[in-house]
Amino acid sequence: MKKLIFLFVLCIFGKLQAQQSLFGIWKTTDDETGEVKSHIQIYESGGKVYGKINKLLRANAPTHCEKCPGERKNQPLMGMILLVDMVVKDGMLQSGNILDPEKGKWYDCKMWMKEGDYNTLVVRGYVGPFYRTQYWTRVQ
């Protein structure tokens, strides 16, 4: 009986840990239009955190990054890495960059879980003192 209770508690704790993780697939919503845009997979590689487009959700949306700079110009959006070199520090992702493929611009970035809501990720892109904030929703 003690083993069964221990196993149950371990499963519940594991589920809570998974829900609190920044890693996984997140649904993006445009902060200006409220339109759902894509799924982004956030993952770790080589001690840094990255995010790539996993799924496009808008009908008639561009499929290639026409305004992207450098090597990403005119490349397919599906599979494109647009969140780079983030590190986990103080419970948030920071010190990296995020690409806005629609504008073709890179921004400094910070990301964290919305307080009290582990299914909402706050994504903030910066240029100097100016910033934009989006709220991404965990895909379950």
N, C-alpha and C. Protein backbone atom coordinates (compact mmCIF):
# COMPACT_ATOMS: atom_id res chain seq x y z
N MET A 1 0.82 -1.20 0.00
CA MET A 1 0.00 0.00 0.00
C MET A 1 0.86 1.26 0.00
N LYS A 2 1.96 1.26 0.79
CA LYS A 2 2.84 2.41 0.84
C LYS A 2 3.49 2.66 -0.52
N LYS A 3 3.82 1.56 -1.21
CA LYS A 3 4.42 1.71 -2.54
C LYS A 3 3.44 2.31 -3.52
N LEU A 4 2.19 1.94 -3.42
CA LEU A 4 1.16 2.48 -4.30
C LEU A 4 0.96 3.98 -4.05
N ILE A 5 0.93 4.38 -2.80
CA ILE A 5 0.77 5.80 -2.46
C ILE A 5 1.99 6.58 -2.95
N PHE A 6 3.18 6.03 -2.74
CA PHE A 6 4.41 6.69 -3.20
C PHE A 6 4.38 6.87 -4.72
N LEU A 7 3.98 5.85 -5.44
CA LEU A 7 3.90 5.91 -6.90
C LEU A 7 2.89 6.96 -7.35
N PHE A 8 1.76 7.03 -6.68
CA PHE A 8 0.74 8.03 -7.00
C PHE A 8 1.28 9.44 -6.79
N VAL A 9 1.92 9.69 -5.66
CA VAL A 9 2.49 11.01 -5.37
C VAL A 9 3.57 11.35 -6.39
N LEU A 10 4.39 10.40 -6.75
CA LEU A 10 5.45 10.62 -7.74
C LEU A 10 4.85 11.00 -9.10
N CYS A 11 3.78 10.34 -9.50
CA CYS A 11 3.12 10.67 -10.78
C CYS A 11 2.54 12.07 -10.75
N ILE A 12 1.88 12.43 -9.66
CA ILE A 12 1.29 13.78 -9.54
C ILE A 12 2.40 14.82 -9.57
N PHE A 13 3.49 14.61 -8.85
CA PHE A 13 4.60 15.55 -8.82
C PHE A 13 5.21 15.69 -10.22
N GLY A 14 5.37 14.59 -10.94
CA GLY A 14 5.91 14.62 -12.30
C GLY A 14 5.02 15.40 -13.24
N LYS A 15 3.71 15.24 -13.09
CA LYS A 15 2.76 15.99 -13.93
C LYS A 15 2.84 17.48 -13.63
N LEU A 16 2.94 17.86 -12.36
CA LEU A 16 3.07 19.27 -12.00
C LEU A 16 4.37 19.86 -12.54
N GLN A 17 5.45 19.10 -12.45
CA GLN A 17 6.73 19.56 -12.99
C GLN A 17 6.62 19.81 -14.48
N ALA A 18 5.99 18.91 -15.22
CA ALA A 18 5.85 19.05 -16.66
C ALA A 18 5.01 20.28 -17.00
N GLN A 19 3.97 20.56 -16.21
CA GLN A 19 3.11 21.70 -16.48
C GLN A 19 3.85 23.02 -16.25
N GLN A 20 4.84 23.04 -15.38
CA GLN A 20 5.55 24.26 -15.06
C GLN A 20 6.73 24.51 -15.99
N SER A 21 7.06 23.58 -16.85
CA SER A 21 8.21 23.70 -17.71
C SER A 21 8.00 24.73 -18.81
N LEU A 22 9.05 25.46 -19.12
CA LEU A 22 9.02 26.40 -20.24
C LEU A 22 9.13 25.65 -21.57
N PHE A 23 9.59 24.42 -21.51
CA PHE A 23 9.80 23.64 -22.72
C PHE A 23 8.48 23.01 -23.18
N GLY A 24 8.36 22.84 -24.48
CA GLY A 24 7.16 22.24 -25.05
C GLY A 24 6.69 23.03 -26.25
N ILE A 25 5.42 22.86 -26.59
CA ILE A 25 4.85 23.52 -27.75
C ILE A 25 3.86 24.58 -27.28
N TRP A 26 4.00 25.77 -27.85
CA TRP A 26 3.21 26.94 -27.45
C TRP A 26 2.51 27.53 -28.66
N LYS A 27 1.25 27.92 -28.48
CA LYS A 27 0.46 28.57 -29.53
C LYS A 27 0.69 30.07 -29.43
N THR A 28 1.10 30.69 -30.54
CA THR A 28 1.37 32.13 -30.54
C THR A 28 0.14 32.90 -30.98
N THR A 29 -0.03 34.07 -30.38
CA THR A 29 -1.12 34.96 -30.73
C THR A 29 -0.54 36.35 -30.96
N ASP A 30 -0.91 36.98 -32.07
CA ASP A 30 -0.42 38.31 -32.42
C ASP A 30 -0.94 39.32 -31.40
N ASP A 31 -0.03 40.09 -30.81
CA ASP A 31 -0.41 41.06 -29.79
C ASP A 31 -1.15 42.27 -30.37
N GLU A 32 -1.03 42.49 -31.68
CA GLU A 32 -1.71 43.63 -32.30
C GLU A 32 -3.09 43.27 -32.83
N THR A 33 -3.25 42.05 -33.37
CA THR A 33 -4.53 41.66 -33.99
C THR A 33 -5.32 40.63 -33.19
N GLY A 34 -4.66 39.94 -32.26
CA GLY A 34 -5.30 38.87 -31.49
C GLY A 34 -5.43 37.59 -32.28
N GLU A 35 -4.87 37.56 -33.48
CA GLU A 35 -4.97 36.39 -34.36
C GLU A 35 -3.98 35.30 -33.94
N VAL A 36 -4.47 34.05 -33.93
CA VAL A 36 -3.62 32.91 -33.64
C VAL A 36 -2.73 32.67 -34.87
N LYS A 37 -1.41 32.50 -34.65
CA LYS A 37 -0.49 32.45 -35.78
C LYS A 37 0.20 31.10 -36.00
N SER A 38 0.75 30.53 -34.91
CA SER A 38 1.58 29.34 -35.12
C SER A 38 1.76 28.57 -33.82
N HIS A 39 2.40 27.41 -33.95
CA HIS A 39 2.88 26.66 -32.80
C HIS A 39 4.41 26.76 -32.82
N ILE A 40 4.98 27.07 -31.68
CA ILE A 40 6.43 27.15 -31.53
C ILE A 40 6.87 26.08 -30.55
N GLN A 41 7.85 25.28 -30.95
CA GLN A 41 8.42 24.27 -30.06
C GLN A 41 9.64 24.87 -29.39
N ILE A 42 9.63 24.94 -28.05
CA ILE A 42 10.76 25.44 -27.28
C ILE A 42 11.51 24.23 -26.72
N TYR A 43 12.82 24.20 -26.98
CA TYR A 43 13.63 23.05 -26.60
C TYR A 43 15.04 23.50 -26.22
N GLU A 44 15.78 22.60 -25.57
CA GLU A 44 17.14 22.89 -25.16
C GLU A 44 18.11 22.12 -26.04
N SER A 45 19.22 22.78 -26.37
CA SER A 45 20.28 22.13 -27.14
C SER A 45 21.60 22.79 -26.77
N GLY A 46 22.55 21.98 -26.34
CA GLY A 46 23.87 22.49 -26.00
C GLY A 46 23.88 23.51 -24.88
N GLY A 47 22.95 23.37 -23.92
CA GLY A 47 22.91 24.27 -22.78
C GLY A 47 22.19 25.59 -23.05
N LYS A 48 21.68 25.78 -24.25
CA LYS A 48 20.92 26.99 -24.59
C LYS A 48 19.53 26.57 -25.03
N VAL A 49 18.61 27.53 -25.06
CA VAL A 49 17.22 27.25 -25.41
C VAL A 49 16.89 27.90 -26.74
N TYR A 50 16.16 27.14 -27.56
CA TYR A 50 15.79 27.58 -28.90
C TYR A 50 14.30 27.35 -29.11
N GLY A 51 13.76 27.99 -30.13
CA GLY A 51 12.37 27.77 -30.49
C GLY A 51 12.24 27.76 -31.99
N LYS A 52 11.46 26.80 -32.48
CA LYS A 52 11.25 26.73 -33.93
C LYS A 52 9.77 26.61 -34.23
N ILE A 53 9.41 27.05 -35.43
CA ILE A 53 8.02 26.98 -35.87
C ILE A 53 7.69 25.53 -36.16
N ASN A 54 6.68 25.04 -35.47
CA ASN A 54 6.26 23.65 -35.56
C ASN A 54 5.03 23.50 -36.45
N LYS A 55 4.21 24.58 -36.51
CA LYS A 55 2.96 24.51 -37.28
C LYS A 55 2.48 25.94 -37.56
N LEU A 56 2.01 26.17 -38.79
CA LEU A 56 1.40 27.45 -39.15
C LEU A 56 -0.11 27.30 -39.04
N LEU A 57 -0.78 28.26 -38.43
CA LEU A 57 -2.20 28.13 -38.14
C LEU A 57 -3.10 29.06 -38.94
N ARG A 58 -2.56 30.09 -39.55
CA ARG A 58 -3.40 31.05 -40.29
C ARG A 58 -3.60 30.58 -41.73
N ALA A 59 -4.83 30.71 -42.20
CA ALA A 59 -5.12 30.42 -43.61
C ALA A 59 -4.53 31.55 -44.45
N ASN A 60 -3.99 31.21 -45.59
CA ASN A 60 -3.43 32.19 -46.53
C ASN A 60 -2.25 32.98 -45.97
N ALA A 61 -1.62 32.49 -44.92
CA ALA A 61 -0.43 33.15 -44.39
C ALA A 61 0.77 32.82 -45.28
N PRO A 62 1.76 33.71 -45.32
CA PRO A 62 2.97 33.40 -46.09
C PRO A 62 3.62 32.12 -45.56
N THR A 63 4.23 31.37 -46.44
CA THR A 63 4.91 30.13 -46.05
C THR A 63 6.42 30.29 -46.03
N HIS A 64 6.91 31.42 -46.55
CA HIS A 64 8.35 31.70 -46.58
C HIS A 64 8.61 33.06 -45.95
N CYS A 65 9.82 33.24 -45.45
CA CYS A 65 10.18 34.47 -44.75
C CYS A 65 10.80 35.47 -45.73
N GLU A 66 9.93 36.25 -46.35
CA GLU A 66 10.36 37.19 -47.37
C GLU A 66 11.17 38.35 -46.81
N LYS A 67 10.88 38.79 -45.60
CA LYS A 67 11.56 39.96 -45.02
C LYS A 67 12.70 39.59 -44.09
N CYS A 68 12.94 38.31 -43.88
CA CYS A 68 13.99 37.89 -42.95
C CYS A 68 15.37 38.31 -43.45
N PRO A 69 16.25 38.63 -42.53
CA PRO A 69 17.62 38.98 -42.92
C PRO A 69 18.49 37.74 -43.10
N GLY A 70 19.59 37.92 -43.81
CA GLY A 70 20.63 36.90 -43.91
C GLY A 70 20.16 35.57 -44.46
N GLU A 71 20.65 34.51 -43.85
CA GLU A 71 20.40 33.14 -44.32
C GLU A 71 18.94 32.72 -44.25
N ARG A 72 18.11 33.42 -43.49
CA ARG A 72 16.70 33.05 -43.37
C ARG A 72 15.83 33.66 -44.47
N LYS A 73 16.38 34.60 -45.23
CA LYS A 73 15.60 35.27 -46.28
C LYS A 73 15.07 34.25 -47.28
N ASN A 74 13.76 34.32 -47.53
CA ASN A 74 13.04 33.46 -48.47
C ASN A 74 13.06 31.97 -48.10
N GLN A 75 13.42 31.65 -46.87
CA GLN A 75 13.41 30.26 -46.41
C GLN A 75 12.01 29.90 -45.89
N PRO A 76 11.66 28.60 -45.91
CA PRO A 76 10.35 28.18 -45.38
C PRO A 76 10.22 28.52 -43.90
N LEU A 77 9.03 28.97 -43.50
CA LEU A 77 8.78 29.26 -42.09
C LEU A 77 8.69 27.99 -41.26
N MET A 78 8.11 26.94 -41.84
CA MET A 78 8.01 25.66 -41.11
C MET A 78 9.41 25.16 -40.77
N GLY A 79 9.64 24.94 -39.49
CA GLY A 79 10.93 24.45 -39.04
C GLY A 79 11.96 25.54 -38.78
N MET A 80 11.62 26.79 -39.10
CA MET A 80 12.57 27.89 -38.90
C MET A 80 12.79 28.15 -37.42
N ILE A 81 14.05 28.27 -37.04
CA ILE A 81 14.41 28.61 -35.66
C ILE A 81 14.35 30.12 -35.53
N LEU A 82 13.45 30.59 -34.64
CA LEU A 82 13.31 32.03 -34.47
C LEU A 82 13.57 32.50 -33.05
N LEU A 83 13.87 31.57 -32.18
CA LEU A 83 14.24 31.89 -30.80
C LEU A 83 15.62 31.28 -30.59
N VAL A 84 16.63 32.12 -30.32
CA VAL A 84 18.00 31.62 -30.27
C VAL A 84 18.74 32.06 -29.02
N ASP A 85 19.63 31.18 -28.58
CA ASP A 85 20.62 31.46 -27.53
C ASP A 85 20.04 31.93 -26.20
N MET A 86 18.83 31.49 -25.87
CA MET A 86 18.23 31.84 -24.59
C MET A 86 18.83 30.96 -23.50
N VAL A 87 18.89 31.49 -22.29
CA VAL A 87 19.34 30.72 -21.15
C VAL A 87 18.30 30.85 -20.03
N VAL A 88 18.18 29.79 -19.23
CA VAL A 88 17.27 29.82 -18.09
C VAL A 88 18.02 30.44 -16.93
N LYS A 89 17.47 31.53 -16.41
CA LYS A 89 18.08 32.22 -15.27
C LYS A 89 16.96 32.87 -14.47
N ASP A 90 16.97 32.66 -13.16
CA ASP A 90 15.96 33.24 -12.27
C ASP A 90 14.54 32.88 -12.69
N GLY A 91 14.33 31.64 -13.18
CA GLY A 91 13.00 31.17 -13.53
C GLY A 91 12.45 31.69 -14.84
N MET A 92 13.31 32.35 -15.63
CA MET A 92 12.84 32.84 -16.93
C MET A 92 13.89 32.57 -17.99
N LEU A 93 13.46 32.63 -19.24
CA LEU A 93 14.39 32.54 -20.36
C LEU A 93 14.82 33.96 -20.69
N GLN A 94 16.14 34.16 -20.87
CA GLN A 94 16.63 35.50 -21.16
C GLN A 94 17.97 35.44 -21.88
N SER A 95 18.51 36.61 -22.19
CA SER A 95 19.83 36.78 -22.81
C SER A 95 19.92 36.23 -24.22
N GLY A 96 18.80 36.06 -24.89
CA GLY A 96 18.80 35.58 -26.26
C GLY A 96 18.04 36.54 -27.16
N ASN A 97 17.69 36.04 -28.33
CA ASN A 97 17.00 36.86 -29.32
C ASN A 97 15.82 36.12 -29.92
N ILE A 98 14.86 36.92 -30.42
CA ILE A 98 13.70 36.36 -31.10
C ILE A 98 13.50 37.11 -32.41
N LEU A 99 13.13 36.37 -33.44
CA LEU A 99 12.91 36.92 -34.76
C LEU A 99 11.42 37.12 -35.00
N ASP A 100 11.05 38.30 -35.49
CA ASP A 100 9.69 38.54 -35.96
C ASP A 100 9.74 38.36 -37.47
N PRO A 101 9.30 37.21 -37.99
CA PRO A 101 9.42 36.96 -39.43
C PRO A 101 8.60 37.91 -40.29
N GLU A 102 7.51 38.44 -39.74
CA GLU A 102 6.68 39.36 -40.52
C GLU A 102 7.37 40.70 -40.76
N LYS A 103 8.17 41.12 -39.79
CA LYS A 103 8.89 42.39 -39.93
C LYS A 103 10.35 42.17 -40.35
N GLY A 104 10.82 40.94 -40.22
CA GLY A 104 12.20 40.64 -40.59
C GLY A 104 13.21 41.25 -39.65
N LYS A 105 12.86 41.33 -38.36
CA LYS A 105 13.74 41.97 -37.39
C LYS A 105 13.98 41.06 -36.18
N TRP A 106 15.21 41.15 -35.65
CA TRP A 106 15.59 40.45 -34.43
C TRP A 106 15.42 41.38 -33.24
N TYR A 107 14.99 40.81 -32.10
CA TYR A 107 14.81 41.56 -30.88
C TYR A 107 15.47 40.82 -29.73
N ASP A 108 15.97 41.56 -28.74
CA ASP A 108 16.37 40.94 -27.48
C ASP A 108 15.10 40.37 -26.86
N CYS A 109 15.24 39.30 -26.07
CA CYS A 109 14.03 38.62 -25.61
C CYS A 109 14.15 38.13 -24.18
N LYS A 110 13.01 38.17 -23.50
CA LYS A 110 12.83 37.53 -22.19
C LYS A 110 11.49 36.82 -22.22
N MET A 111 11.42 35.67 -21.55
CA MET A 111 10.18 34.89 -21.49
C MET A 111 10.02 34.32 -20.09
N TRP A 112 8.79 34.32 -19.61
CA TRP A 112 8.52 33.73 -18.30
C TRP A 112 7.07 33.30 -18.23
N MET A 113 6.79 32.43 -17.26
CA MET A 113 5.42 31.97 -17.04
C MET A 113 4.62 33.09 -16.38
N LYS A 114 3.39 33.24 -16.83
CA LYS A 114 2.50 34.21 -16.20
C LYS A 114 2.25 33.75 -14.77
N GLU A 115 2.30 34.68 -13.84
CA GLU A 115 2.15 34.33 -12.43
C GLU A 115 0.83 33.63 -12.19
N GLY A 116 0.91 32.43 -11.60
CA GLY A 116 -0.28 31.66 -11.27
C GLY A 116 -0.89 30.90 -12.44
N ASP A 117 -0.28 30.99 -13.62
CA ASP A 117 -0.84 30.33 -14.81
C ASP A 117 0.29 29.69 -15.61
N TYR A 118 0.54 28.40 -15.37
CA TYR A 118 1.64 27.71 -16.03
C TYR A 118 1.32 27.31 -17.47
N ASN A 119 0.17 27.72 -17.96
CA ASN A 119 -0.19 27.46 -19.35
C ASN A 119 -0.10 28.71 -20.21
N THR A 120 0.41 29.81 -19.64
CA THR A 120 0.60 31.05 -20.38
C THR A 120 2.04 31.50 -20.24
N LEU A 121 2.67 31.71 -21.39
CA LEU A 121 4.06 32.16 -21.44
C LEU A 121 4.07 33.61 -21.88
N VAL A 122 4.70 34.47 -21.09
CA VAL A 122 4.83 35.88 -21.43
C VAL A 122 6.11 36.03 -22.24
N VAL A 123 5.98 36.57 -23.46
CA VAL A 123 7.11 36.72 -24.38
C VAL A 123 7.30 38.21 -24.64
N ARG A 124 8.48 38.72 -24.28
CA ARG A 124 8.73 40.15 -24.44
C ARG A 124 9.96 40.36 -25.30
N GLY A 125 9.77 41.09 -26.42
CA GLY A 125 10.87 41.44 -27.31
C GLY A 125 11.23 42.90 -27.11
N TYR A 126 12.55 43.18 -27.05
CA TYR A 126 13.04 44.53 -26.75
C TYR A 126 13.89 45.09 -27.88
N VAL A 127 13.78 46.41 -28.07
CA VAL A 127 14.75 47.19 -28.83
C VAL A 127 15.02 48.39 -27.95
N GLY A 128 16.18 48.40 -27.31
CA GLY A 128 16.48 49.47 -26.36
C GLY A 128 15.44 49.49 -25.26
N PRO A 129 14.89 50.67 -24.95
CA PRO A 129 13.89 50.75 -23.87
C PRO A 129 12.48 50.39 -24.32
N PHE A 130 12.29 50.13 -25.61
CA PHE A 130 10.95 49.84 -26.14
C PHE A 130 10.74 48.33 -26.21
N TYR A 131 9.51 47.89 -25.98
CA TYR A 131 9.23 46.46 -26.03
C TYR A 131 7.80 46.19 -26.46
N ARG A 132 7.60 44.94 -26.91
CA ARG A 132 6.27 44.40 -27.22
C ARG A 132 6.13 43.11 -26.44
N THR A 133 4.92 42.83 -25.99
CA THR A 133 4.66 41.63 -25.20
C THR A 133 3.57 40.80 -25.87
N GLN A 134 3.81 39.51 -25.98
CA GLN A 134 2.81 38.57 -26.44
C GLN A 134 2.58 37.54 -25.35
N TYR A 135 1.41 36.90 -25.41
CA TYR A 135 1.09 35.83 -24.47
C TYR A 135 0.86 34.57 -25.29
N TRP A 136 1.70 33.58 -25.08
CA TRP A 136 1.60 32.31 -25.78
C TRP A 136 0.93 31.31 -24.85
N THR A 137 0.14 30.41 -25.43
CA THR A 137 -0.61 29.42 -24.67
C THR A 137 -0.05 28.04 -24.90
N ARG A 138 0.10 27.29 -23.83
CA ARG A 138 0.62 25.92 -23.94
C ARG A 138 -0.35 25.07 -24.75
N VAL A 139 0.21 24.29 -25.68
CA VAL A 139 -0.59 23.33 -26.45
C VAL A 139 -0.58 22.03 -25.66
N GLN A 140 -1.77 21.49 -25.36
CA GLN A 140 -1.83 20.30 -24.52
C GLN A 140 -2.28 19.09 -25.28
